[in-house]
């Protein structure tokens, strides 16, 4: 009976401790699981699970272990938010696996993804043929985001006899107040051009913006920080 009582207490304590850690770390631990987040979830589960059946491990050790692991994960999240360049190494980066209707074999190879797996992911997004897809992006959580060709958008534009339009992929150029230089270079754009466009919109610096997106033929789209946020940047 003593073992059942100990296990019950440790399970209840572990349950609420995991719940608190999950709330502190944010919803991305559940909704957007990266490979690191997946490992984190497994480790947290193992820490509590093993402790339940080890009589020498008490509630205090469970709480200490979970608290220390939670602090490490929290610090890592703070690092990726403070220094955006670390996200590529710690969380990975999205990969364009279909570009303007063509399959990017190099990105598929890097992602250890074959054509059949890609087609499976595309079908889950409602694209049952590769000819329907203009762009496909493999996200860091393993899902695929799809931008269909103009003729295959819903409703089917061909059925409406609309004039065909060129499909362009919006490109982020500012994230968390930081210029994404690599994206600018890929689109043959310069930082000087971006700074000029920002000033035209009434902003002094990239640090004034949470996000900015460029799309060919469209004006620069920006999302500024709220006034209460700008004081912290």
C-alpha atoms as a PDB file:
ATOM      1  CA  UNK A   1       0.000   0.000   0.000  1.00  0.00           C
ATOM      2  CA  UNK A   2       2.908   2.306   0.730  1.00  0.00           C
ATOM      3  CA  UNK A   3       4.159   1.910  -2.841  1.00  0.00           C
ATOM      4  CA  UNK A   4       0.755   2.772  -4.272  1.00  0.00           C
ATOM      5  CA  UNK A   5       0.571   5.866  -2.108  1.00  0.00           C
ATOM      6  CA  UNK A   6       4.080   6.968  -3.095  1.00  0.00           C
ATOM      7  CA  UNK A   7       3.407   6.393  -6.794  1.00  0.00           C
ATOM      8  CA  UNK A   8       0.117   8.305  -6.569  1.00  0.00           C
ATOM      9  CA  UNK A   9       1.765  11.301  -4.910  1.00  0.00           C
ATOM     10  CA  UNK A  10       4.687  11.363  -7.346  1.00  0.00           C
ATOM     11  CA  UNK A  11       2.368  10.971 -10.345  1.00  0.00           C
ATOM     12  CA  UNK A  12       0.143  13.843  -9.233  1.00  0.00           C
ATOM     13  CA  UNK A  13       3.136  16.079  -8.496  1.00  0.00           C
ATOM     14  CA  UNK A  14       4.782  15.140 -11.818  1.00  0.00           C
ATOM     15  CA  UNK A  15       1.549  15.792 -13.719  1.00  0.00           C
ATOM     16  CA  UNK A  16       1.122  19.312 -12.372  1.00  0.00           C
ATOM     17  CA  UNK A  17       4.845  20.057 -12.708  1.00  0.00           C
ATOM     18  CA  UNK A  18       4.769  19.051 -16.393  1.00  0.00           C
ATOM     19  CA  UNK A  19       1.627  21.131 -16.882  1.00  0.00           C
ATOM     20  CA  UNK A  20       3.282  24.224 -15.372  1.00  0.00           C
ATOM     21  CA  UNK A  21       6.442  23.751 -17.470  1.00  0.00           C
ATOM     22  CA  UNK A  22       4.364  23.369 -20.652  1.00  0.00           C
ATOM     23  CA  UNK A  23       2.459  26.576 -19.882  1.00  0.00           C
ATOM     24  CA  UNK A  24       5.684  28.467 -19.188  1.00  0.00           C
ATOM     25  CA  UNK A  25       7.418  27.251 -22.346  1.00  0.00           C
ATOM     26  CA  UNK A  26       4.473  28.230 -24.563  1.00  0.00           C
ATOM     27  CA  UNK A  27       2.078  26.584 -26.986  1.00  0.00           C
ATOM     28  CA  UNK A  28       4.753  25.798 -29.558  1.00  0.00           C
ATOM     29  CA  UNK A  29       5.763  22.803 -27.476  1.00  0.00           C
ATOM     30  CA  UNK A  30       2.467  21.237 -28.583  1.00  0.00           C
ATOM     31  CA  UNK A  31       1.398  22.850 -31.862  1.00  0.00           C
ATOM     32  CA  UNK A  32       4.746  23.223 -33.661  1.00  0.00           C
ATOM     33  CA  UNK A  33       6.994  20.405 -32.562  1.00  0.00           C
ATOM     34  CA  UNK A  34      10.529  20.705 -33.885  1.00  0.00           C
ATOM     35  CA  UNK A  35      12.992  17.791 -33.554  1.00  0.00           C
ATOM     36  CA  UNK A  36      14.394  19.392 -30.407  1.00  0.00           C
ATOM     37  CA  UNK A  37      10.901  19.855 -28.932  1.00  0.00           C
ATOM     38  CA  UNK A  38      10.169  16.203 -29.646  1.00  0.00           C
ATOM     39  CA  UNK A  39      13.302  15.138 -27.762  1.00  0.00           C
ATOM     40  CA  UNK A  40      12.372  17.500 -24.931  1.00  0.00           C
ATOM     41  CA  UNK A  41       8.917  15.950 -24.596  1.00  0.00           C
ATOM     42  CA  UNK A  42      10.390  12.441 -24.531  1.00  0.00           C
ATOM     43  CA  UNK A  43      12.943  13.352 -21.870  1.00  0.00           C
ATOM     44  CA  UNK A  44      10.345  15.022 -19.649  1.00  0.00           C
ATOM     45  CA  UNK A  45       8.109  11.966 -19.921  1.00  0.00           C
ATOM     46  CA  UNK A  46      11.010   9.622 -19.120  1.00  0.00           C
ATOM     47  CA  UNK A  47      12.059  11.685 -16.114  1.00  0.00           C
ATOM     48  CA  UNK A  48       8.648  11.390 -14.520  1.00  0.00           C
ATOM     49  CA  UNK A  49       8.003   7.807 -15.680  1.00  0.00           C
ATOM     50  CA  UNK A  50      11.268   6.418 -14.322  1.00  0.00           C
ATOM     51  CA  UNK A  51      10.876   8.286 -11.049  1.00  0.00           C
ATOM     52  CA  UNK A  52       7.493   6.674 -10.383  1.00  0.00           C
ATOM     53  CA  UNK A  53       8.986   3.184 -10.154  1.00  0.00           C
ATOM     54  CA  UNK A  54      12.178   4.057  -8.306  1.00  0.00           C
ATOM     55  CA  UNK A  55      11.550   4.069  -4.564  1.00  0.00           C
ATOM     56  CA  UNK A  56      14.772   6.005  -3.916  1.00  0.00           C
ATOM     57  CA  UNK A  57      13.614   8.988  -5.964  1.00  0.00           C
ATOM     58  CA  UNK A  58      11.292  11.242  -3.998  1.00  0.00           C
ATOM     59  CA  UNK A  59       9.054  14.159  -4.912  1.00  0.00           C
ATOM     60  CA  UNK A  60      11.831  16.656  -4.182  1.00  0.00           C
ATOM     61  CA  UNK A  61      14.134  15.037  -6.768  1.00  0.00           C
ATOM     62  CA  UNK A  62      11.350  14.908  -9.358  1.00  0.00           C
ATOM     63  CA  UNK A  63      10.620  18.611  -8.890  1.00  0.00           C
ATOM     64  CA  UNK A  64      14.310  19.520  -8.991  1.00  0.00           C
ATOM     65  CA  UNK A  65      14.905  17.526 -12.185  1.00  0.00           C
ATOM     66  CA  UNK A  66      11.846  18.946 -13.946  1.00  0.00           C
ATOM     67  CA  UNK A  67      12.649  22.487 -12.818  1.00  0.00           C
ATOM     68  CA  UNK A  68      16.245  22.238 -14.057  1.00  0.00           C
ATOM     69  CA  UNK A  69      15.164  20.794 -17.414  1.00  0.00           C
ATOM     70  CA  UNK A  70      12.486  23.483 -17.721  1.00  0.00           C
ATOM     71  CA  UNK A  71      15.033  26.224 -17.031  1.00  0.00           C
ATOM     72  CA  UNK A  72      17.371  24.836 -19.708  1.00  0.00           C
ATOM     73  CA  UNK A  73      14.575  24.744 -22.289  1.00  0.00           C
ATOM     74  CA  UNK A  74      13.447  28.236 -21.283  1.00  0.00           C
ATOM     75  CA  UNK A  75      16.977  29.618 -21.645  1.00  0.00           C
ATOM     76  CA  UNK A  76      17.232  28.006 -25.064  1.00  0.00           C
ATOM     77  CA  UNK A  77      13.966  29.664 -26.115  1.00  0.00           C
ATOM     78  CA  UNK A  78      15.268  33.018 -24.875  1.00  0.00           C
ATOM     79  CA  UNK A  79      18.493  32.541 -26.868  1.00  0.00           C
ATOM     80  CA  UNK A  80      16.591  31.826 -30.098  1.00  0.00           C
ATOM     81  CA  UNK A  81      14.376  34.878 -29.543  1.00  0.00           C
ATOM     82  CA  UNK A  82      17.245  37.199 -28.616  1.00  0.00           C
ATOM     83  CA  UNK A  83      19.673  36.043 -31.301  1.00  0.00           C
ATOM     84  CA  UNK A  84      17.651  35.139 -34.385  1.00  0.00           C
ATOM     85  CA  UNK A  85      20.634  33.646 -36.214  1.00  0.00           C
ATOM     86  CA  UNK A  86      20.748  30.744 -33.739  1.00  0.00           C
ATOM     87  CA  UNK A  87      17.294  29.532 -34.846  1.00  0.00           C
ATOM     88  CA  UNK A  88      18.725  27.979 -37.997  1.00  0.00           C
ATOM     89  CA  UNK A  89      21.035  25.753 -35.950  1.00  0.00           C
ATOM     90  CA  UNK A  90      18.721  24.980 -33.026  1.00  0.00           C
ATOM     91  CA  UNK A  91      15.317  24.802 -34.735  1.00  0.00           C
ATOM     92  CA  UNK A  92      16.196  24.354 -38.399  1.00  0.00           C
ATOM     93  CA  UNK A  93      14.788  26.382 -41.262  1.00  0.00           C
ATOM     94  CA  UNK A  94      11.981  25.831 -43.772  1.00  0.00           C
ATOM     95  CA  UNK A  95      13.076  24.339 -47.093  1.00  0.00           C
ATOM     96  CA  UNK A  96      11.494  25.053 -50.486  1.00  0.00           C
ATOM     97  CA  UNK A  97      11.079  21.569 -51.956  1.00  0.00           C
ATOM     98  CA  UNK A  98       9.002  22.708 -54.957  1.00  0.00           C
ATOM     99  CA  UNK A  99       9.940  25.986 -56.622  1.00  0.00           C
ATOM    100  CA  UNK A 100       7.863  27.369 -59.485  1.00  0.00           C
ATOM    101  CA  UNK A 101       6.502  23.906 -60.190  1.00  0.00           C
ATOM    102  CA  UNK A 102       9.921  22.221 -60.223  1.00  0.00           C
ATOM    103  CA  UNK A 103      11.130  19.764 -57.592  1.00  0.00           C
ATOM    104  CA  UNK A 104      14.240  20.816 -55.688  1.00  0.00           C
ATOM    105  CA  UNK A 105      16.124  17.516 -55.467  1.00  0.00           C
ATOM    106  CA  UNK A 106      18.890  18.937 -53.271  1.00  0.00           C
ATOM    107  CA  UNK A 107      16.443  20.052 -50.577  1.00  0.00           C
ATOM    108  CA  UNK A 108      14.635  16.707 -50.728  1.00  0.00           C
ATOM    109  CA  UNK A 109      17.957  14.929 -50.270  1.00  0.00           C
ATOM    110  CA  UNK A 110      18.897  17.110 -47.290  1.00  0.00           C
ATOM    111  CA  UNK A 111      15.514  16.428 -45.688  1.00  0.00           C
ATOM    112  CA  UNK A 112      15.821  12.654 -46.303  1.00  0.00           C
ATOM    113  CA  UNK A 113      12.535  12.851 -48.213  1.00  0.00           C
ATOM    114  CA  UNK A 114      11.656  10.862 -51.331  1.00  0.00           C
ATOM    115  CA  UNK A 115       9.047  11.624 -53.990  1.00  0.00           C
ATOM    116  CA  UNK A 116       6.462   9.232 -52.550  1.00  0.00           C
ATOM    117  CA  UNK A 117       6.744  10.834 -49.108  1.00  0.00           C
ATOM    118  CA  UNK A 118       6.483  14.273 -50.667  1.00  0.00           C
ATOM    119  CA  UNK A 119       3.352  13.267 -52.581  1.00  0.00           C
ATOM    120  CA  UNK A 120       1.851  11.950 -49.355  1.00  0.00           C
ATOM    121  CA  UNK A 121       2.475  15.273 -47.607  1.00  0.00           C
ATOM    122  CA  UNK A 122       1.029  17.175 -50.569  1.00  0.00           C
ATOM    123  CA  UNK A 123      -2.126  15.040 -50.584  1.00  0.00           C
ATOM    124  CA  UNK A 124      -2.662  15.896 -46.926  1.00  0.00           C
ATOM    125  CA  UNK A 125      -2.868  19.529 -48.073  1.00  0.00           C
ATOM    126  CA  UNK A 126      -5.359  18.777 -50.855  1.00  0.00           C
ATOM    127  CA  UNK A 127      -2.845  18.636 -53.722  1.00  0.00           C
ATOM    128  CA  UNK A 128      -3.309  15.227 -55.361  1.00  0.00           C
ATOM    129  CA  UNK A 129      -1.031  15.951 -58.313  1.00  0.00           C
ATOM    130  CA  UNK A 130       2.394  17.549 -58.497  1.00  0.00           C
ATOM    131  CA  UNK A 131       1.215  19.604 -61.463  1.00  0.00           C
ATOM    132  CA  UNK A 132      -1.105  21.539 -59.134  1.00  0.00           C
ATOM    133  CA  UNK A 133       1.729  22.866 -56.968  1.00  0.00           C
ATOM    134  CA  UNK A 134       3.655  26.068 -57.647  1.00  0.00           C
ATOM    135  CA  UNK A 135       5.499  26.163 -54.313  1.00  0.00           C
ATOM    136  CA  UNK A 136       5.824  23.660 -51.466  1.00  0.00           C
ATOM    137  CA  UNK A 137       7.725  24.453 -48.275  1.00  0.00           C
ATOM    138  CA  UNK A 138       8.861  21.778 -45.844  1.00  0.00           C
ATOM    139  CA  UNK A 139       8.415  23.328 -42.403  1.00  0.00           C
ATOM    140  CA  UNK A 140      10.642  22.690 -39.391  1.00  0.00           C
ATOM    141  CA  UNK A 141       7.948  20.535 -37.756  1.00  0.00           C
ATOM    142  CA  UNK A 142       7.878  18.154 -40.753  1.00  0.00           C
ATOM    143  CA  UNK A 143       4.656  19.419 -42.338  1.00  0.00           C
ATOM    144  CA  UNK A 144       4.371  20.917 -45.815  1.00  0.00           C
ATOM    145  CA  UNK A 145       2.827  24.263 -46.716  1.00  0.00           C
ATOM    146  CA  UNK A 146       1.476  24.423 -50.261  1.00  0.00           C
ATOM    147  CA  UNK A 147       0.853  27.306 -52.630  1.00  0.00           C
ATOM    148  CA  UNK A 148      -1.065  25.988 -55.617  1.00  0.00           C
ATOM    149  CA  UNK A 149      -0.809  27.234 -59.175  1.00  0.00           C
ATOM    150  CA  UNK A 150      -3.301  29.867 -60.154  1.00  0.00           C
ATOM    151  CA  UNK A 151      -5.492  27.485 -62.130  1.00  0.00           C
ATOM    152  CA  UNK A 152      -5.881  25.083 -59.201  1.00  0.00           C
ATOM    153  CA  UNK A 153      -6.808  27.479 -56.436  1.00  0.00           C
ATOM    154  CA  UNK A 154     -10.189  27.034 -54.762  1.00  0.00           C
ATOM    155  CA  UNK A 155     -12.585  27.800 -56.333  1.00  0.00           C
ATOM    156  CA  UNK A 156     -11.047  26.579 -59.582  1.00  0.00           C
ATOM    157  CA  UNK A 157     -10.193  29.760 -61.442  1.00  0.00           C
ATOM    158  CA  UNK A 158     -10.292  28.004 -64.793  1.00  0.00           C
ATOM    159  CA  UNK A 159     -13.967  27.322 -64.219  1.00  0.00           C
ATOM    160  CA  UNK A 160     -14.561  31.062 -63.725  1.00  0.00           C
ATOM    161  CA  UNK A 161     -12.757  31.972 -66.960  1.00  0.00           C
ATOM    162  CA  UNK A 162     -10.529  34.448 -65.157  1.00  0.00           C
ATOM    163  CA  UNK A 163      -7.421  35.894 -66.776  1.00  0.00           C
ATOM    164  CA  UNK A 164      -4.380  33.880 -65.619  1.00  0.00           C
ATOM    165  CA  UNK A 165      -2.044  35.695 -63.252  1.00  0.00           C
ATOM    166  CA  UNK A 166       1.533  34.972 -62.277  1.00  0.00           C
ATOM    167  CA  UNK A 167       1.891  33.225 -58.923  1.00  0.00           C
ATOM    168  CA  UNK A 168       4.532  34.767 -56.655  1.00  0.00           C
ATOM    169  CA  UNK A 169       5.887  33.553 -53.327  1.00  0.00           C
ATOM    170  CA  UNK A 170       5.941  36.209 -50.570  1.00  0.00           C
ATOM    171  CA  UNK A 171       9.405  36.494 -49.022  1.00  0.00           C
ATOM    172  CA  UNK A 172      10.028  37.644 -45.430  1.00  0.00           C
ATOM    173  CA  UNK A 173      12.707  40.342 -45.324  1.00  0.00           C
ATOM    174  CA  UNK A 174      12.468  41.437 -41.670  1.00  0.00           C
ATOM    175  CA  UNK A 175      11.793  39.240 -38.645  1.00  0.00           C
ATOM    176  CA  UNK A 176      11.814  40.430 -35.019  1.00  0.00           C
ATOM    177  CA  UNK A 177      13.395  43.716 -36.059  1.00  0.00           C
ATOM    178  CA  UNK A 178      16.264  42.019 -37.920  1.00  0.00           C
ATOM    179  CA  UNK A 179      16.940  42.219 -41.655  1.00  0.00           C
ATOM    180  CA  UNK A 180      17.025  38.803 -43.328  1.00  0.00           C
ATOM    181  CA  UNK A 181      19.974  39.465 -45.603  1.00  0.00           C
ATOM    182  CA  UNK A 182      19.990  36.002 -47.201  1.00  0.00           C
ATOM    183  CA  UNK A 183      16.392  36.391 -48.372  1.00  0.00           C
ATOM    184  CA  UNK A 184      17.184  39.819 -49.832  1.00  0.00           C
ATOM    185  CA  UNK A 185      20.158  38.436 -51.742  1.00  0.00           C
ATOM    186  CA  UNK A 186      18.095  35.562 -53.164  1.00  0.00           C
ATOM    187  CA  UNK A 187      15.645  38.105 -54.603  1.00  0.00           C
ATOM    188  CA  UNK A 188      18.408  40.452 -55.853  1.00  0.00           C
ATOM    189  CA  UNK A 189      17.364  43.114 -53.362  1.00  0.00           C
ATOM    190  CA  UNK A 190      19.617  45.263 -51.193  1.00  0.00           C
ATOM    191  CA  UNK A 191      19.463  46.457 -47.605  1.00  0.00           C
ATOM    192  CA  UNK A 192      19.646  50.048 -48.862  1.00  0.00           C
ATOM    193  CA  UNK A 193      16.492  49.465 -50.905  1.00  0.00           C
ATOM    194  CA  UNK A 194      14.750  47.943 -47.893  1.00  0.00           C
ATOM    195  CA  UNK A 195      15.717  50.811 -45.586  1.00  0.00           C
ATOM    196  CA  UNK A 196      14.416  53.296 -48.153  1.00  0.00           C
ATOM    197  CA  UNK A 197      11.108  51.426 -48.431  1.00  0.00           C
ATOM    198  CA  UNK A 198      10.780  51.388 -44.655  1.00  0.00           C
ATOM    199  CA  UNK A 199      11.291  55.149 -44.472  1.00  0.00           C
ATOM    200  CA  UNK A 200       8.655  55.670 -47.174  1.00  0.00           C
ATOM    201  CA  UNK A 201       6.206  53.885 -44.889  1.00  0.00           C
ATOM    202  CA  UNK A 202       7.107  56.151 -41.965  1.00  0.00           C
ATOM    203  CA  UNK A 203       9.474  53.923 -39.976  1.00  0.00           C
ATOM    204  CA  UNK A 204      13.012  54.815 -38.972  1.00  0.00           C
ATOM    205  CA  UNK A 205      14.617  51.412 -38.531  1.00  0.00           C
ATOM    206  CA  UNK A 206      13.998  47.664 -38.988  1.00  0.00           C
ATOM    207  CA  UNK A 207      13.862  47.530 -35.193  1.00  0.00           C
ATOM    208  CA  UNK A 208      10.494  49.296 -35.426  1.00  0.00           C
ATOM    209  CA  UNK A 209       9.004  46.277 -37.216  1.00  0.00           C
ATOM    210  CA  UNK A 210       8.031  42.824 -36.032  1.00  0.00           C
ATOM    211  CA  UNK A 211       7.794  41.555 -39.594  1.00  0.00           C
ATOM    212  CA  UNK A 212       8.108  42.710 -43.194  1.00  0.00           C
ATOM    213  CA  UNK A 213       7.263  40.773 -46.342  1.00  0.00           C
ATOM    214  CA  UNK A 214       8.087  41.437 -49.997  1.00  0.00           C
ATOM    215  CA  UNK A 215       6.178  40.094 -52.974  1.00  0.00           C
ATOM    216  CA  UNK A 216       6.939  40.864 -56.597  1.00  0.00           C
ATOM    217  CA  UNK A 217       4.576  43.493 -57.974  1.00  0.00           C
ATOM    218  CA  UNK A 218       3.196  44.346 -54.529  1.00  0.00           C
ATOM    219  CA  UNK A 219       4.117  47.091 -52.014  1.00  0.00           C
ATOM    220  CA  UNK A 220       6.181  46.095 -48.993  1.00  0.00           C
ATOM    221  CA  UNK A 221       3.936  44.669 -46.278  1.00  0.00           C
ATOM    222  CA  UNK A 222       5.006  45.484 -42.714  1.00  0.00           C
ATOM    223  CA  UNK A 223       3.779  44.787 -39.193  1.00  0.00           C
ATOM    224  CA  UNK A 224       5.125  47.298 -36.639  1.00  0.00           C
ATOM    225  CA  UNK A 225       5.667  46.716 -32.957  1.00  0.00           C
ATOM    226  CA  UNK A 226       2.964  47.994 -30.679  1.00  0.00           C
ATOM    227  CA  UNK A 227       3.882  51.224 -28.909  1.00  0.00           C
ATOM    228  CA  UNK A 228       4.429  49.391 -25.609  1.00  0.00           C
ATOM    229  CA  UNK A 229       6.819  46.995 -27.389  1.00  0.00           C
ATOM    230  CA  UNK A 230       8.982  49.611 -29.136  1.00  0.00           C
ATOM    231  CA  UNK A 231      10.275  50.835 -25.791  1.00  0.00           C
ATOM    232  CA  UNK A 232      11.941  47.465 -25.290  1.00  0.00           C
ATOM    233  CA  UNK A 233      13.856  47.488 -28.570  1.00  0.00           C
END
